[in-house]
Amino acid sequence: MEALSISTLIVALAEIGDKTQLLALLLAARFRQPWPIVFGILVATVANHALAAAVGAWVSAQVPADIMRWVLGLSFLAIAAWTLVPDKMDDEDSGFYRYGAFGATLVLFFLAEIGDKTQVATVALAAQYSDTLMVIAGTTIGMLLANVPVVILGHFAADRLPLGIIRAVAASLFAVMGLYVLIA
């Protein structure tokens, strides 16, 4: 349960204000069909984070425990710093809109998550915890917790969130996790 709860909390907080959350808002405004967008986010996140977790599990099996501890600790500290940097929307390819709400969301979310801090966090969490299924479930739940309200409530929810405070809390959690790994 620790892998699930930590993964959910870290990704949910890290995702606030992220480019994929901005993408969720854009898709909600464009299509006005919340459920196909939510399902697209779900499928894209499961696929992307399953690949990331597999990489994390493979790395943890290949790298000696002492070195892995340092790599993980420093990775979490780097993600903490990265989380403090506000994200902005990259140029989206509106050509994907022809696939409809679900298809556009699936493709755009999968691509937007490649190399994103939540994907990197998923790699690190899967390397930290042996239960990769719980990490995938947790990071996916975290992604949904952050993005579904944006899709359903649109700009009303996004405009009222204190993004600076949420980024600081997420960065603090990553930093605590990094220090815990380094000290423990």
Protein backbone atom coordinates (compact mmCIF):
# COMPACT_ATOMS: atom_id res chain seq x y z
CA MET A 1 0.00 0.00 0.00
CA GLU A 2 2.93 2.35 0.56
CA ALA A 3 3.90 2.20 -3.11
CA LEU A 4 0.33 3.00 -4.13
CA SER A 5 -0.22 5.86 -1.69
CA ILE A 6 3.18 7.53 -2.17
CA SER A 7 2.93 7.23 -5.96
CA THR A 8 -0.59 8.67 -5.99
CA LEU A 9 0.28 11.61 -3.74
CA ILE A 10 3.51 12.55 -5.48
CA VAL A 11 2.12 12.42 -9.02
CA ALA A 12 -1.17 14.15 -8.13
CA LEU A 13 0.70 17.09 -6.63
CA ALA A 14 3.41 17.17 -9.30
CA GLU A 15 0.80 17.21 -12.04
CA ILE A 16 -0.89 20.42 -10.82
CA GLY A 17 0.01 23.12 -13.32
CA ASP A 18 1.84 20.66 -15.57
CA LYS A 19 1.55 20.86 -19.35
CA THR A 20 -0.68 17.78 -19.43
CA GLN A 21 -3.10 19.54 -17.10
CA LEU A 22 -3.10 22.49 -19.49
CA LEU A 23 -3.64 20.00 -22.30
CA ALA A 24 -6.63 18.54 -20.41
CA LEU A 25 -8.11 22.03 -20.17
CA LEU A 26 -7.50 22.64 -23.87
CA LEU A 27 -9.09 19.33 -24.87
CA ALA A 28 -12.09 19.96 -22.59
CA ALA A 29 -12.63 23.36 -24.18
CA ARG A 30 -12.14 21.98 -27.70
CA PHE A 31 -14.34 18.88 -27.54
CA ARG A 32 -16.74 19.53 -24.62
CA GLN A 33 -16.97 15.75 -24.13
CA PRO A 34 -15.50 15.03 -20.70
CA TRP A 35 -15.76 11.23 -20.55
CA PRO A 36 -13.92 10.37 -23.79
CA ILE A 37 -11.18 12.77 -22.64
CA VAL A 38 -11.02 11.16 -19.18
CA PHE A 39 -10.79 7.67 -20.73
CA GLY A 40 -8.11 8.90 -23.14
CA ILE A 41 -6.10 10.24 -20.18
CA LEU A 42 -6.54 6.91 -18.37
CA VAL A 43 -5.39 4.73 -21.28
CA ALA A 44 -2.49 7.03 -22.23
CA THR A 45 -1.28 7.23 -18.61
CA VAL A 46 -1.47 3.48 -18.03
CA ALA A 47 0.50 2.80 -21.22
CA ASN A 48 3.09 5.52 -20.60
CA HIS A 49 3.60 4.80 -16.90
CA ALA A 50 3.70 1.02 -17.46
CA LEU A 51 6.64 1.56 -19.80
CA ALA A 52 8.26 3.94 -17.31
CA ALA A 53 7.76 1.48 -14.43
CA ALA A 54 9.26 -1.33 -16.51
CA VAL A 55 12.34 0.82 -17.09
CA GLY A 56 12.54 1.59 -13.36
CA ALA A 57 12.23 -2.08 -12.40
CA TRP A 58 14.85 -3.08 -14.97
CA VAL A 59 17.27 -0.39 -13.79
CA SER A 60 16.87 -1.42 -10.15
CA ALA A 61 17.65 -5.04 -11.11
CA GLN A 62 20.80 -4.02 -13.03
CA VAL A 63 22.33 -1.44 -10.72
CA PRO A 64 23.90 -2.43 -7.37
CA ALA A 65 21.87 -1.37 -4.30
CA ASP A 66 24.44 1.15 -2.99
CA ILE A 67 24.65 2.98 -6.32
CA MET A 68 20.89 2.72 -6.83
CA ARG A 69 20.27 4.43 -3.49
CA TRP A 70 22.33 7.44 -4.59
CA VAL A 71 20.79 7.53 -8.06
CA LEU A 72 17.27 7.41 -6.60
CA GLY A 73 17.95 9.96 -3.89
CA LEU A 74 19.52 12.41 -6.30
CA SER A 75 16.76 11.76 -8.87
CA PHE A 76 14.07 12.64 -6.34
CA LEU A 77 15.96 15.81 -5.38
CA ALA A 78 16.27 16.75 -9.07
CA ILE A 79 12.55 16.15 -9.58
CA ALA A 80 11.89 18.36 -6.53
CA ALA A 81 13.77 21.22 -8.20
CA TRP A 82 12.10 20.53 -11.56
CA THR A 83 8.67 20.65 -9.91
CA LEU A 84 9.26 24.25 -8.85
CA VAL A 85 9.57 25.35 -12.48
CA PRO A 86 6.15 26.26 -13.90
CA ASP A 87 5.22 24.30 -16.99
CA LYS A 88 3.81 25.83 -20.14
CA MET A 89 1.99 24.25 -22.99
CA ASP A 90 4.20 23.09 -25.86
CA ASP A 91 2.94 23.56 -29.39
CA GLU A 92 0.19 21.00 -29.81
CA ASP A 93 -0.43 19.35 -33.12
CA SER A 94 -4.04 20.17 -33.90
CA GLY A 95 -3.93 17.48 -36.59
CA PHE A 96 -4.64 14.96 -33.84
CA TYR A 97 -8.05 16.54 -33.30
CA ARG A 98 -9.38 14.66 -36.31
CA TYR A 99 -9.24 11.46 -34.18
CA GLY A 100 -12.00 12.79 -31.92
CA ALA A 101 -11.93 13.45 -28.20
CA PHE A 102 -10.69 10.00 -27.12
CA GLY A 103 -8.13 9.52 -29.90
CA ALA A 104 -6.70 13.02 -29.68
CA THR A 105 -6.44 12.76 -25.89
CA LEU A 106 -4.82 9.33 -26.06
CA VAL A 107 -2.15 10.39 -28.55
CA LEU A 108 -1.48 13.86 -27.15
CA PHE A 109 -1.33 12.74 -23.50
CA PHE A 110 0.96 9.82 -24.29
CA LEU A 111 3.33 12.09 -26.22
CA ALA A 112 3.16 14.91 -23.65
CA GLU A 113 4.14 12.50 -20.86
CA ILE A 114 7.33 11.34 -22.59
CA GLY A 115 10.20 12.76 -20.57
CA ASP A 116 7.81 14.67 -18.30
CA LYS A 117 8.54 14.89 -14.57
CA THR A 118 5.71 12.50 -13.74
CA GLN A 119 7.14 9.90 -16.11
CA VAL A 120 10.60 10.35 -14.59
CA ALA A 121 9.02 10.09 -11.14
CA THR A 122 7.34 6.84 -12.21
CA VAL A 123 10.72 5.42 -13.25
CA ALA A 124 12.21 6.42 -9.88
CA LEU A 125 9.24 5.12 -7.89
CA ALA A 126 9.32 1.78 -9.72
CA ALA A 127 13.02 1.53 -8.95
CA GLN A 128 12.29 2.33 -5.30
CA TYR A 129 9.36 -0.06 -4.79
CA SER A 130 9.30 -3.67 -5.92
CA ASP A 131 5.54 -3.65 -6.53
CA THR A 132 5.47 -2.02 -9.97
CA LEU A 133 1.74 -2.65 -10.40
CA MET A 134 1.02 -0.53 -7.33
CA VAL A 135 3.36 2.18 -8.65
CA ILE A 136 1.56 2.18 -12.02
CA ALA A 137 -1.82 2.23 -10.28
CA GLY A 138 -0.71 5.02 -7.95
CA THR A 139 0.80 7.22 -10.65
CA THR A 140 -2.26 6.70 -12.83
CA ILE A 141 -4.62 7.56 -9.97
CA GLY A 142 -2.51 10.63 -9.23
CA MET A 143 -2.69 11.70 -12.86
CA LEU A 144 -6.47 11.25 -12.87
CA LEU A 145 -6.90 13.09 -9.55
CA ALA A 146 -5.12 16.10 -11.02
CA ASN A 147 -6.64 16.06 -14.51
CA VAL A 148 -10.22 14.82 -14.22
CA PRO A 149 -11.42 17.87 -12.23
CA VAL A 150 -9.88 20.12 -14.89
CA VAL A 151 -11.71 18.24 -17.63
CA ILE A 152 -15.02 18.23 -15.78
CA LEU A 153 -14.95 21.70 -14.25
CA GLY A 154 -12.94 23.38 -16.99
CA HIS A 155 -11.38 26.73 -16.30
CA PHE A 156 -13.35 27.28 -13.05
CA ALA A 157 -11.18 24.76 -11.15
CA ALA A 158 -7.91 25.65 -12.84
CA ASP A 159 -8.28 29.38 -12.19
CA ARG A 160 -8.78 28.94 -8.45
CA LEU A 161 -5.86 26.63 -7.63
CA PRO A 162 -2.89 28.16 -5.77
CA LEU A 163 -0.32 26.68 -8.17
CA GLY A 164 2.73 28.14 -6.41
CA ILE A 165 1.81 26.56 -3.09
CA ILE A 166 0.94 23.24 -4.72
CA ARG A 167 4.28 23.21 -6.59
CA ALA A 168 6.11 23.94 -3.33
CA VAL A 169 4.31 21.10 -1.53
CA ALA A 170 5.03 18.67 -4.39
CA ALA A 171 8.69 19.77 -4.50
CA SER A 172 8.92 19.29 -0.73
CA LEU A 173 7.52 15.77 -0.99
CA PHE A 174 10.05 14.87 -3.69
CA ALA A 175 12.85 16.39 -1.58
CA VAL A 176 11.74 14.47 1.53
CA MET A 177 11.58 11.27 -0.51
CA GLY A 178 15.07 11.94 -1.92
CA LEU A 179 16.54 12.64 1.52
CA TYR A 180 14.79 9.60 2.96
CA VAL A 181 16.30 7.36 0.28
CA LEU A 182 19.77 8.86 0.81
CA ILE A 183 19.66 8.66 4.62
CA ALA A 184 17.80 5.36 5.14
